[in-house]
Protein backbone atom coordinates (compact mmCIF):
# COMPACT_ATOMS: atom_id res chain seq x y z
CA MET A 1 9.60 -29.96 -11.43
CA GLU A 2 7.63 -33.11 -12.05
CA LYS A 3 5.09 -33.18 -14.87
CA ASP A 4 1.95 -32.92 -12.73
CA GLY A 5 3.50 -31.41 -9.61
CA ILE A 6 3.81 -27.93 -8.17
CA ASP A 7 7.37 -26.66 -7.78
CA ALA A 8 8.02 -25.94 -4.11
CA SER A 9 11.77 -25.41 -4.23
CA LEU A 10 11.65 -21.92 -2.68
CA GLY A 11 12.35 -23.56 0.66
CA LEU A 12 10.30 -25.98 2.70
CA ALA A 13 9.24 -23.57 5.46
CA PHE A 14 8.09 -20.95 2.95
CA SER A 15 6.31 -23.53 0.77
CA LEU A 16 4.46 -25.04 3.73
CA LYS A 17 3.10 -21.61 4.68
CA LEU A 18 2.02 -21.05 1.10
CA PHE A 19 0.31 -24.46 0.82
CA GLU A 20 -1.48 -23.85 4.11
CA GLN A 21 -2.72 -20.48 2.85
CA TYR A 22 -4.03 -22.09 -0.36
CA HIS A 23 -5.34 -25.25 1.39
CA LYS A 24 -3.34 -27.58 -0.87
CA SER A 25 -3.54 -31.35 -0.47
CA GLY A 26 -1.12 -33.94 -1.75
CA ILE A 27 2.34 -35.33 -1.16
CA LEU A 28 5.27 -32.96 -0.94
CA GLN A 29 8.43 -34.87 -1.84
CA ALA A 30 12.14 -34.33 -2.45
CA ASP A 31 15.40 -36.21 -2.65
CA LEU A 32 17.38 -35.45 0.51
CA HIS A 33 20.82 -35.96 1.96
CA HIS A 34 22.33 -35.58 5.46
CA VAL A 35 19.12 -36.75 7.16
CA PRO A 36 19.87 -37.62 10.81
CA GLY A 37 19.85 -41.38 11.30
CA ILE A 38 19.80 -42.21 7.56
CA ARG A 39 22.91 -43.24 5.64
CA GLY A 40 23.28 -41.72 2.19
CA ARG A 41 20.52 -40.15 0.17
CA CYS A 42 16.83 -40.73 0.80
CA ARG A 43 13.45 -39.36 -0.22
CA GLY A 44 11.34 -37.19 2.08
CA TYR A 45 7.54 -37.14 2.04
CA LEU A 46 5.15 -34.72 3.74
CA HIS A 47 1.46 -35.59 3.41
CA LEU A 48 -0.72 -32.46 3.25
CA VAL A 49 -4.46 -32.27 3.74
CA GLU A 50 -6.00 -28.83 3.16
CA GLY A 51 -2.54 -27.32 3.71
CA LYS A 52 -1.88 -29.08 7.03
CA VAL A 53 0.97 -31.57 7.41
CA VAL A 54 -0.57 -34.84 8.61
CA SER A 55 2.54 -37.03 8.40
CA CYS A 56 6.24 -36.86 7.57
CA THR A 57 8.34 -39.80 6.47
CA VAL A 58 11.64 -40.53 4.81
CA GLU A 59 12.40 -43.54 2.68
CA ASP A 60 15.95 -44.89 2.48
CA LYS A 61 17.58 -46.57 -0.52
CA GLN A 62 16.29 -49.96 0.61
CA GLY A 63 12.68 -48.73 0.56
CA GLN A 64 12.33 -48.68 4.34
CA ARG A 65 10.18 -45.81 5.65
CA PHE A 66 10.72 -43.92 8.89
CA GLN A 67 8.60 -41.29 10.63
CA ILE A 68 10.38 -37.95 11.00
CA ASN A 69 9.50 -34.64 12.62
CA LYS A 70 8.41 -31.81 10.28
CA GLU A 71 10.74 -29.41 12.11
CA VAL A 72 13.72 -31.71 11.42
CA LEU A 73 12.95 -31.62 7.68
CA THR A 74 12.42 -27.86 7.74
CA ARG A 75 15.73 -27.28 9.53
CA LEU A 76 17.54 -29.71 7.21
CA ASP A 77 16.10 -27.90 4.17
CA SER A 78 17.24 -24.50 5.43
CA GLU A 79 20.73 -25.72 6.45
CA LYS A 80 21.56 -28.20 3.65
CA GLY A 81 19.10 -27.20 0.92
CA PRO A 82 16.87 -25.88 -0.29
CA PHE A 83 15.98 -29.23 -1.80
CA GLU A 84 13.82 -29.57 -4.91
CA TRP A 85 10.44 -30.11 -3.26
CA THR A 86 7.48 -30.93 -5.49
CA LEU A 87 3.83 -31.16 -4.44
CA VAL A 88 2.01 -33.96 -6.21
CA SER A 89 -1.69 -33.22 -5.89
CA SER A 90 -3.93 -35.88 -4.44
CA SER A 91 -6.73 -34.64 -6.68
CA SER A 92 -7.62 -36.95 -9.54
CA THR A 93 -8.52 -33.99 -11.74
CA PRO A 94 -6.14 -33.73 -14.71
CA SER A 95 -3.87 -30.68 -14.49
CA ALA A 96 -5.13 -29.32 -17.82
CA VAL A 97 -8.67 -29.09 -16.41
CA ARG A 98 -7.75 -27.44 -13.09
CA SER A 99 -8.56 -23.78 -12.77
CA GLU A 100 -5.66 -23.12 -10.40
CA PRO A 101 -2.27 -22.07 -11.78
CA ALA A 102 0.77 -24.34 -11.51
CA SER A 103 2.35 -21.77 -9.23
CA PRO A 104 1.07 -18.61 -7.53
CA HIS A 105 1.27 -15.17 -9.13
CA LEU A 106 3.71 -12.56 -7.87
CA ARG A 107 2.61 -8.95 -7.50
CA ARG A 108 4.47 -5.75 -6.63
CA VAL A 109 3.11 -3.96 -3.56
CA ALA A 110 5.82 -1.34 -2.96
CA PRO A 111 8.72 0.22 -4.86
CA LEU A 112 12.13 -1.41 -4.63
CA GLU A 113 14.43 1.26 -3.21
CA LEU A 114 17.91 -0.02 -4.00
CA GLU A 115 19.60 3.04 -2.50
CA LYS A 116 18.37 1.91 0.94
CA LEU A 117 20.25 -1.39 0.68
CA ASP A 118 23.45 -0.19 2.34
CA GLY A 119 26.14 -2.84 2.46
CA TRP A 120 24.67 -4.82 -0.42
CA SER A 121 26.95 -5.47 -3.38
CA TYR A 122 26.14 -4.01 -6.79
CA ARG A 123 25.66 -7.57 -8.07
CA HIS A 124 23.06 -8.40 -5.40
CA LYS A 125 21.20 -5.15 -6.04
CA MET A 126 21.07 -5.87 -9.78
CA MET A 127 19.86 -9.44 -9.16
CA LEU A 128 17.00 -8.12 -6.98
CA SER A 129 16.19 -5.39 -9.49
CA LEU A 130 16.09 -7.80 -12.42
CA VAL A 131 13.72 -10.21 -10.68
CA PHE A 132 11.61 -7.34 -9.31
CA GLU A 133 11.18 -5.89 -12.82
CA LEU A 134 9.83 -9.24 -14.08
CA ILE A 135 7.09 -9.24 -11.45
CA ASP A 136 3.99 -7.66 -12.94
CA GLY A 137 1.02 -9.32 -11.24
CA HIS A 138 0.40 -11.57 -14.23
CA ARG A 139 3.49 -13.77 -14.04
CA THR A 140 3.65 -16.82 -11.80
CA ILE A 141 6.74 -17.89 -9.88
CA ASP A 142 7.44 -20.38 -12.68
CA ASP A 143 7.05 -17.62 -15.32
CA VAL A 144 9.59 -15.43 -13.51
CA LYS A 145 12.02 -18.35 -13.27
CA ALA A 146 11.66 -18.98 -17.01
CA ALA A 147 12.07 -15.30 -17.97
CA ALA A 148 15.02 -14.34 -15.79
CA PRO A 149 18.50 -14.98 -17.22
CA LEU A 150 19.72 -16.25 -13.83
CA PRO A 151 20.12 -19.69 -12.25
CA THR A 152 16.94 -20.99 -10.60
CA ASN A 153 18.43 -20.94 -7.10
CA VAL A 154 19.40 -17.26 -7.50
CA ILE A 155 15.88 -16.37 -8.68
CA GLU A 156 14.34 -18.27 -5.76
CA GLU A 157 16.62 -16.45 -3.32
CA ALA A 158 15.72 -13.10 -4.88
CA ILE A 159 12.00 -13.87 -4.57
CA GLN A 160 12.45 -14.81 -0.90
CA ILE A 161 14.35 -11.57 -0.24
CA LEU A 162 11.75 -9.45 -2.06
CA LEU A 163 8.98 -11.13 -0.06
CA ALA A 164 10.87 -10.50 3.20
CA MET A 165 11.32 -6.86 2.18
CA ASN A 166 7.53 -6.62 1.69
CA VAL A 167 7.87 -5.16 -1.81
CA ILE A 168 6.09 -8.12 -3.46
CA ASN A 169 3.47 -10.60 -2.39
CA ILE A 170 1.89 -13.78 -3.63
CA SER A 171 -1.64 -13.81 -4.94
């Protein structure tokens, strides 16, 4: 995560919904690869105003910018990523003065019933349980990532699964 940015590496589609809900403005950016029509790696930019995407561009290694469809970036992120998206706020207020947290808080809303996860491996159940136990309503997504003894991508996947199971939510 960049110094003054908000980590949005839980997946582009999920992050865009979250930023829309919280009316975030700024530039969402990530280093990308396998972008249709672009050779090699490039950088993707989504400009957000009050949570709405107003433009999407990619910049190649030569600094040339191209317009791109938001759905293309979302599909690319889900198929080849997730990429390490970061939202750089367009606000000029220093991050230390802002009243908003660097990332949203996670809160339990239902019990995690591991016995109902038929077909799931013991390892996957333990990963979900570990992340679920760290969620207490006070920790942010970044706090959970820092506290869990798992790789970041595994924690992000566990959070996405727990959200999809409707046992946690974001506040």
